[in-house]
Amino acid sequence: MNVILTVSNKAANIVGKLSKYAIAMLQQAEYSVIRQEGDHGYTTNALTVPLEAETGLTWQGVKLCLENCGYHVQVKS
């Protein structure tokens, strides 16, 4: 299973289909997971995870969590 993790200073965007288990694992690690919506309210296969480096919520943690769930993560910045 492959996903793309696009990183900025404030958020990590995950493109690809994640299982409910992977989303639950991110939430258990105290990450907020926000589903992105496309035009006219259609949902996309993209999720946004706000990052807070000062509290330890980093993109590296998101990547590690996804890898522990069996995903191959490609990082883009």
PDB file of N, CA and C in Angstrom:
ATOM      1  N   MET A   1       0.843  -1.164   0.000  1.00  0.00           N
ATOM      2  CA  MET A   1       0.000   0.000   0.000  1.00  0.00           C
ATOM      3  C   MET A   1       0.896   1.237   0.000  1.00  0.00           C
ATOM      4  N   ASN A   2       0.662   2.108  -0.932  1.00  0.00           N
ATOM      5  CA  ASN A   2       1.476   3.303  -1.082  1.00  0.00           C
ATOM      6  C   ASN A   2       0.654   4.547  -0.794  1.00  0.00           C
ATOM      7  N   VAL A   3       1.282   5.512  -0.129  1.00  0.00           N
ATOM      8  CA  VAL A   3       0.691   6.826   0.079  1.00  0.00           C
ATOM      9  C   VAL A   3       1.777   7.870  -0.134  1.00  0.00           C
ATOM     10  N   ILE A   4       1.355   9.080  -0.455  1.00  0.00           N
ATOM     11  CA  ILE A   4       2.268  10.198  -0.613  1.00  0.00           C
ATOM     12  C   ILE A   4       2.030  11.153   0.542  1.00  0.00           C
ATOM     13  N   LEU A   5       3.113  11.570   1.188  1.00  0.00           N
ATOM     14  CA  LEU A   5       3.052  12.509   2.294  1.00  0.00           C
ATOM     15  C   LEU A   5       3.708  13.808   1.835  1.00  0.00           C
ATOM     16  N   THR A   6       2.904  14.853   1.662  1.00  0.00           N
ATOM     17  CA  THR A   6       3.398  16.162   1.257  1.00  0.00           C
ATOM     18  C   THR A   6       3.493  17.024   2.503  1.00  0.00           C
ATOM     19  N   VAL A   7       4.687  17.564   2.746  1.00  0.00           N
ATOM     20  CA  VAL A   7       4.968  18.233   4.008  1.00  0.00           C
ATOM     21  C   VAL A   7       5.141  19.735   3.818  1.00  0.00           C
ATOM     22  N   SER A   8       4.526  20.516   4.713  1.00  0.00           N
ATOM     23  CA  SER A   8       4.776  21.953   4.807  1.00  0.00           C
ATOM     24  C   SER A   8       5.099  22.254   6.266  1.00  0.00           C
ATOM     25  N   ASN A   9       5.298  23.509   6.596  1.00  0.00           N
ATOM     26  CA  ASN A   9       5.640  23.872   7.974  1.00  0.00           C
ATOM     27  C   ASN A   9       4.523  23.576   8.960  1.00  0.00           C
ATOM     28  N   LYS A  10       3.284  23.689   8.520  1.00  0.00           N
ATOM     29  CA  LYS A  10       2.147  23.592   9.441  1.00  0.00           C
ATOM     30  C   LYS A  10       1.317  22.326   9.313  1.00  0.00           C
ATOM     31  N   ALA A  11       1.516  21.571   8.206  1.00  0.00           N
ATOM     32  CA  ALA A  11       0.655  20.404   8.001  1.00  0.00           C
ATOM     33  C   ALA A  11       1.324  19.358   7.117  1.00  0.00           C
ATOM     34  N   ALA A  12       0.847  18.141   7.263  1.00  0.00           N
ATOM     35  CA  ALA A  12       1.224  17.045   6.378  1.00  0.00           C
ATOM     36  C   ALA A  12      -0.044  16.618   5.651  1.00  0.00           C
ATOM     37  N   ASN A  13       0.034  16.550   4.337  1.00  0.00           N
ATOM     38  CA  ASN A  13      -1.103  16.091   3.545  1.00  0.00           C
ATOM     39  C   ASN A  13      -0.821  14.671   3.089  1.00  0.00           C
ATOM     40  N   ILE A  14      -1.765  13.797   3.331  1.00  0.00           N
ATOM     41  CA  ILE A  14      -1.632  12.392   2.964  1.00  0.00           C
ATOM     42  C   ILE A  14      -2.538  12.143   1.775  1.00  0.00           C
ATOM     43  N   VAL A  15      -1.941  11.691   0.668  1.00  0.00           N
ATOM     44  CA  VAL A  15      -2.710  11.371  -0.531  1.00  0.00           C
ATOM     45  C   VAL A  15      -2.655   9.862  -0.727  1.00  0.00           C
ATOM     46  N   GLY A  16      -3.804   9.255  -0.757  1.00  0.00           N
ATOM     47  CA  GLY A  16      -3.926   7.808  -0.894  1.00  0.00           C
ATOM     48  C   GLY A  16      -4.993   7.328   0.067  1.00  0.00           C
ATOM     49  N   LYS A  17      -5.456   6.142  -0.134  1.00  0.00           N
ATOM     50  CA  LYS A  17      -6.536   5.613   0.691  1.00  0.00           C
ATOM     51  C   LYS A  17      -5.957   4.991   1.956  1.00  0.00           C
ATOM     52  N   LEU A  18      -6.397   5.500   3.096  1.00  0.00           N
ATOM     53  CA  LEU A  18      -5.970   4.951   4.379  1.00  0.00           C
ATOM     54  C   LEU A  18      -7.087   4.118   4.990  1.00  0.00           C
ATOM     55  N   SER A  19      -6.693   3.084   5.686  1.00  0.00           N
ATOM     56  CA  SER A  19      -7.664   2.254   6.389  1.00  0.00           C
ATOM     57  C   SER A  19      -8.153   2.981   7.639  1.00  0.00           C
ATOM     58  N   LYS A  20      -9.282   2.547   8.148  1.00  0.00           N
ATOM     59  CA  LYS A  20      -9.792   3.107   9.401  1.00  0.00           C
ATOM     60  C   LYS A  20      -8.802   2.849  10.525  1.00  0.00           C
ATOM     61  N   TYR A  21      -8.113   1.712  10.453  1.00  0.00           N
ATOM     62  CA  TYR A  21      -7.110   1.365  11.456  1.00  0.00           C
ATOM     63  C   TYR A  21      -5.970   2.388  11.461  1.00  0.00           C
ATOM     64  N   ALA A  22      -5.477   2.760  10.263  1.00  0.00           N
ATOM     65  CA  ALA A  22      -4.385   3.732  10.175  1.00  0.00           C
ATOM     66  C   ALA A  22      -4.821   5.091  10.713  1.00  0.00           C
ATOM     67  N   ILE A  23      -6.032   5.497  10.387  1.00  0.00           N
ATOM     68  CA  ILE A  23      -6.548   6.775  10.899  1.00  0.00           C
ATOM     69  C   ILE A  23      -6.673   6.718  12.415  1.00  0.00           C
ATOM     70  N   ALA A  24      -7.147   5.597  12.934  1.00  0.00           N
ATOM     71  CA  ALA A  24      -7.272   5.444  14.383  1.00  0.00           C
ATOM     72  C   ALA A  24      -5.901   5.470  15.054  1.00  0.00           C
ATOM     73  N   MET A  25      -4.892   4.888  14.418  1.00  0.00           N
ATOM     74  CA  MET A  25      -3.541   4.905  14.985  1.00  0.00           C
ATOM     75  C   MET A  25      -2.979   6.324  15.030  1.00  0.00           C
ATOM     76  N   LEU A  26      -3.219   7.111  13.979  1.00  0.00           N
ATOM     77  CA  LEU A  26      -2.785   8.509  13.982  1.00  0.00           C
ATOM     78  C   LEU A  26      -3.479   9.280  15.109  1.00  0.00           C
ATOM     79  N   GLN A  27      -4.775   9.049  15.260  1.00  0.00           N
ATOM     80  CA  GLN A  27      -5.522   9.736  16.314  1.00  0.00           C
ATOM     81  C   GLN A  27      -5.055   9.301  17.698  1.00  0.00           C
ATOM     82  N   GLN A  28      -4.720   8.033  17.851  1.00  0.00           N
ATOM     83  CA  GLN A  28      -4.227   7.535  19.127  1.00  0.00           C
ATOM     84  C   GLN A  28      -2.884   8.184  19.467  1.00  0.00           C
ATOM     85  N   ALA A  29      -2.098   8.516  18.436  1.00  0.00           N
ATOM     86  CA  ALA A  29      -0.817   9.199  18.636  1.00  0.00           C
ATOM     87  C   ALA A  29      -1.021  10.714  18.803  1.00  0.00           C
ATOM     88  N   GLU A  30      -2.267  11.129  18.962  1.00  0.00           N
ATOM     89  CA  GLU A  30      -2.664  12.509  19.231  1.00  0.00           C
ATOM     90  C   GLU A  30      -2.582  13.440  18.024  1.00  0.00           C
ATOM     91  N   TYR A  31      -2.573  12.875  16.808  1.00  0.00           N
ATOM     92  CA  TYR A  31      -2.655  13.692  15.596  1.00  0.00           C
ATOM     93  C   TYR A  31      -4.125  13.917  15.254  1.00  0.00           C
ATOM     94  N   SER A  32      -4.436  15.112  14.779  1.00  0.00           N
ATOM     95  CA  SER A  32      -5.769  15.385  14.245  1.00  0.00           C
ATOM     96  C   SER A  32      -5.763  14.990  12.776  1.00  0.00           C
ATOM     97  N   VAL A  33      -6.797  14.335  12.324  1.00  0.00           N
ATOM     98  CA  VAL A  33      -6.892  13.923  10.926  1.00  0.00           C
ATOM     99  C   VAL A  33      -8.122  14.601  10.337  1.00  0.00           C
ATOM    100  N   ILE A  34      -7.903  15.437   9.317  1.00  0.00           N
ATOM    101  CA  ILE A  34      -8.980  16.210   8.705  1.00  0.00           C
ATOM    102  C   ILE A  34      -9.152  15.762   7.261  1.00  0.00           C
ATOM    103  N   ARG A  35     -10.354  15.337   6.916  1.00  0.00           N
ATOM    104  CA  ARG A  35     -10.640  14.902   5.544  1.00  0.00           C
ATOM    105  C   ARG A  35     -10.820  16.129   4.664  1.00  0.00           C
ATOM    106  N   GLN A  36     -10.126  16.141   3.530  1.00  0.00           N
ATOM    107  CA  GLN A  36     -10.264  17.248   2.593  1.00  0.00           C
ATOM    108  C   GLN A  36     -11.469  17.012   1.706  1.00  0.00           C
ATOM    109  N   GLU A  37     -12.128  18.096   1.343  1.00  0.00           N
ATOM    110  CA  GLU A  37     -13.272  18.007   0.434  1.00  0.00           C
ATOM    111  C   GLU A  37     -12.927  18.684  -0.874  1.00  0.00           C
ATOM    112  N   GLY A  38     -13.391  18.094  -1.953  1.00  0.00           N
ATOM    113  CA  GLY A  38     -13.191  18.678  -3.268  1.00  0.00           C
ATOM    114  C   GLY A  38     -14.338  19.612  -3.613  1.00  0.00           C
ATOM    115  N   ASP A  39     -14.444  19.931  -4.870  1.00  0.00           N
ATOM    116  CA  ASP A  39     -15.514  20.811  -5.330  1.00  0.00           C
ATOM    117  C   ASP A  39     -16.886  20.195  -5.071  1.00  0.00           C
ATOM    118  N   HIS A  40     -17.825  21.026  -4.742  1.00  0.00           N
ATOM    119  CA  HIS A  40     -19.230  20.635  -4.546  1.00  0.00           C
ATOM    120  C   HIS A  40     -19.418  19.614  -3.433  1.00  0.00           C
ATOM    121  N   GLY A  41     -18.504  19.623  -2.434  1.00  0.00           N
ATOM    122  CA  GLY A  41     -18.661  18.752  -1.280  1.00  0.00           C
ATOM    123  C   GLY A  41     -18.234  17.315  -1.472  1.00  0.00           C
ATOM    124  N   TYR A  42     -17.667  16.974  -2.623  1.00  0.00           N
ATOM    125  CA  TYR A  42     -17.195  15.603  -2.823  1.00  0.00           C
ATOM    126  C   TYR A  42     -15.960  15.360  -1.986  1.00  0.00           C
ATOM    127  N   THR A  43     -15.887  14.202  -1.364  1.00  0.00           N
ATOM    128  CA  THR A  43     -14.689  13.894  -0.584  1.00  0.00           C
ATOM    129  C   THR A  43     -13.580  13.439  -1.520  1.00  0.00           C
ATOM    130  N   THR A  44     -12.355  13.663  -1.080  1.00  0.00           N
ATOM    131  CA  THR A  44     -11.184  13.240  -1.857  1.00  0.00           C
ATOM    132  C   THR A  44     -10.474  12.143  -1.082  1.00  0.00           C
ATOM    133  N   ASN A  45      -9.437  11.584  -1.673  1.00  0.00           N
ATOM    134  CA  ASN A  45      -8.617  10.601  -0.968  1.00  0.00           C
ATOM    135  C   ASN A  45      -7.459  11.294  -0.271  1.00  0.00           C
ATOM    136  N   ALA A  46      -7.637  12.547   0.126  1.00  0.00           N
ATOM    137  CA  ALA A  46      -6.575  13.301   0.778  1.00  0.00           C
ATOM    138  C   ALA A  46      -6.988  13.654   2.203  1.00  0.00           C
ATOM    139  N   LEU A  47      -6.027  13.549   3.100  1.00  0.00           N
ATOM    140  CA  LEU A  47      -6.235  13.903   4.496  1.00  0.00           C
ATOM    141  C   LEU A  47      -5.177  14.914   4.901  1.00  0.00           C
ATOM    142  N   THR A  48      -5.525  15.827   5.781  1.00  0.00           N
ATOM    143  CA  THR A  48      -4.577  16.799   6.305  1.00  0.00           C
ATOM    144  C   THR A  48      -4.350  16.521   7.778  1.00  0.00           C
ATOM    145  N   VAL A  49      -3.084  16.548   8.183  1.00  0.00           N
ATOM    146  CA  VAL A  49      -2.719  16.365   9.582  1.00  0.00           C
ATOM    147  C   VAL A  49      -1.953  17.608  10.029  1.00  0.00           C
ATOM    148  N   PRO A  50      -2.565  18.458  10.863  1.00  0.00           N
ATOM    149  CA  PRO A  50      -1.836  19.631  11.367  1.00  0.00           C
ATOM    150  C   PRO A  50      -0.619  19.202  12.188  1.00  0.00           C
ATOM    151  N   LEU A  51       0.484  19.940  12.023  1.00  0.00           N
ATOM    152  CA  LEU A  51       1.726  19.619  12.724  1.00  0.00           C
ATOM    153  C   LEU A  51       2.030  20.690  13.770  1.00  0.00           C
ATOM    154  N   GLU A  52       2.604  20.269  14.876  1.00  0.00           N
ATOM    155  CA  GLU A  52       3.029  21.173  15.938  1.00  0.00           C
ATOM    156  C   GLU A  52       4.352  20.653  16.476  1.00  0.00           C
ATOM    157  N   ALA A  53       5.455  21.091  15.864  1.00  0.00           N
ATOM    158  CA  ALA A  53       6.777  20.586  16.236  1.00  0.00           C
ATOM    159  C   ALA A  53       7.085  20.803  17.713  1.00  0.00           C
ATOM    160  N   GLU A  54       6.609  21.917  18.283  1.00  0.00           N
ATOM    161  CA  GLU A  54       6.908  22.200  19.685  1.00  0.00           C
ATOM    162  C   GLU A  54       6.275  21.207  20.643  1.00  0.00           C
ATOM    163  N   THR A  55       5.228  20.511  20.215  1.00  0.00           N
ATOM    164  CA  THR A  55       4.600  19.491  21.063  1.00  0.00           C
ATOM    165  C   THR A  55       4.922  18.080  20.594  1.00  0.00           C
ATOM    166  N   GLY A  56       5.828  17.966  19.616  1.00  0.00           N
ATOM    167  CA  GLY A  56       6.244  16.648  19.148  1.00  0.00           C
ATOM    168  C   GLY A  56       5.413  16.070  18.019  1.00  0.00           C
ATOM    169  N   LEU A  57       4.450  16.828  17.504  1.00  0.00           N
ATOM    170  CA  LEU A  57       3.623  16.335  16.400  1.00  0.00           C
ATOM    171  C   LEU A  57       4.297  16.730  15.084  1.00  0.00           C
ATOM    172  N   THR A  58       5.169  15.861  14.583  1.00  0.00           N
ATOM    173  CA  THR A  58       5.981  16.146  13.399  1.00  0.00           C
ATOM    174  C   THR A  58       5.588  15.244  12.238  1.00  0.00           C
ATOM    175  N   TRP A  59       6.035  15.625  11.041  1.00  0.00           N
ATOM    176  CA  TRP A  59       5.746  14.793   9.875  1.00  0.00           C
ATOM    177  C   TRP A  59       6.461  13.450   9.984  1.00  0.00           C
ATOM    178  N   GLN A  60       7.611  13.412  10.652  1.00  0.00           N
ATOM    179  CA  GLN A  60       8.319  12.147  10.825  1.00  0.00           C
ATOM    180  C   GLN A  60       7.490  11.167  11.652  1.00  0.00           C
ATOM    181  N   GLY A  61       6.749  11.701  12.626  1.00  0.00           N
ATOM    182  CA  GLY A  61       5.865  10.856  13.420  1.00  0.00           C
ATOM    183  C   GLY A  61       4.702  10.316  12.606  1.00  0.00           C
ATOM    184  N   VAL A  62       4.165  11.159  11.721  1.00  0.00           N
ATOM    185  CA  VAL A  62       3.093  10.713  10.825  1.00  0.00           C
ATOM    186  C   VAL A  62       3.618   9.587   9.932  1.00  0.00           C
ATOM    187  N   LYS A  63       4.802   9.791   9.360  1.00  0.00           N
ATOM    188  CA  LYS A  63       5.418   8.788   8.476  1.00  0.00           C
ATOM    189  C   LYS A  63       5.628   7.472   9.218  1.00  0.00           C
ATOM    190  N   LEU A  64       6.194   7.543  10.410  1.00  0.00           N
ATOM    191  CA  LEU A  64       6.451   6.344  11.197  1.00  0.00           C
ATOM    192  C   LEU A  64       5.162   5.601  11.526  1.00  0.00           C
ATOM    193  N   CYS A  65       4.140   6.340  11.889  1.00  0.00           N
ATOM    194  CA  CYS A  65       2.852   5.728  12.219  1.00  0.00           C
ATOM    195  C   CYS A  65       2.282   4.987  11.012  1.00  0.00           C
ATOM    196  N   LEU A  66       2.350   5.622   9.839  1.00  0.00           N
ATOM    197  CA  LEU A  66       1.834   4.988   8.623  1.00  0.00           C
ATOM    198  C   LEU A  66       2.659   3.762   8.242  1.00  0.00           C
ATOM    199  N   GLU A  67       3.981   3.858   8.392  1.00  0.00           N
ATOM    200  CA  GLU A  67       4.839   2.708   8.086  1.00  0.00           C
ATOM    201  C   GLU A  67       4.547   1.549   9.032  1.00  0.00           C
ATOM    202  N   ASN A  68       4.266   1.858  10.287  1.00  0.00           N
ATOM    203  CA  ASN A  68       3.916   0.804  11.256  1.00  0.00           C
ATOM    204  C   ASN A  68       2.582   0.145  10.928  1.00  0.00           C
ATOM    205  N   CYS A  69       1.759   0.828  10.137  1.00  0.00           N
ATOM    206  CA  CYS A  69       0.477   0.267   9.686  1.00  0.00           C
ATOM    207  C   CYS A  69       0.619  -0.459   8.357  1.00  0.00           C
ATOM    208  N   GLY A  70       1.849  -0.561   7.832  1.00  0.00           N
ATOM    209  CA  GLY A  70       2.089  -1.327   6.613  1.00  0.00           C
ATOM    210  C   GLY A  70       2.124  -0.515   5.335  1.00  0.00           C
ATOM    211  N   TYR A  71       2.140   0.795   5.424  1.00  0.00           N
ATOM    212  CA  TYR A  71       2.159   1.640   4.229  1.00  0.00           C
ATOM    213  C   TYR A  71       3.588   1.955   3.811  1.00  0.00           C
ATOM    214  N   HIS A  72       3.810   2.055   2.512  1.00  0.00           N
ATOM    215  CA  HIS A  72       5.052   2.592   1.956  1.00  0.00           C
ATOM    216  C   HIS A  72       4.794   4.067   1.743  1.00  0.00           C
ATOM    217  N   VAL A  73       5.574   4.922   2.419  1.00  0.00           N
ATOM    218  CA  VAL A  73       5.329   6.359   2.419  1.00  0.00           C
ATOM    219  C   VAL A  73       6.379   7.060   1.576  1.00  0.00           C
ATOM    220  N   GLN A  74       5.924   7.794   0.564  1.00  0.00           N
ATOM    221  CA  GLN A  74       6.801   8.635  -0.246  1.00  0.00           C
ATOM    222  C   GLN A  74       6.642  10.073   0.243  1.00  0.00           C
ATOM    223  N   VAL A  75       7.745  10.697   0.646  1.00  0.00           N
ATOM    224  CA  VAL A  75       7.683  12.050   1.219  1.00  0.00           C
ATOM    225  C   VAL A  75       8.055  13.082   0.149  1.00  0.00           C
ATOM    226  N   LYS A  76       7.235  14.116   0.050  1.00  0.00           N
ATOM    227  CA  LYS A  76       7.519  15.250  -0.838  1.00  0.00           C
ATOM    228  C   LYS A  76       7.398  16.522  -0.019  1.00  0.00           C
ATOM    229  N   SER A  77       8.254  17.494  -0.317  1.00  0.00           N
ATOM    230  CA  SER A  77       8.156  18.756   0.418  1.00  0.00           C
ATOM    231  C   SER A  77       7.984  19.920  -0.526  1.00  0.00           C
TER     232      SER A  77
END
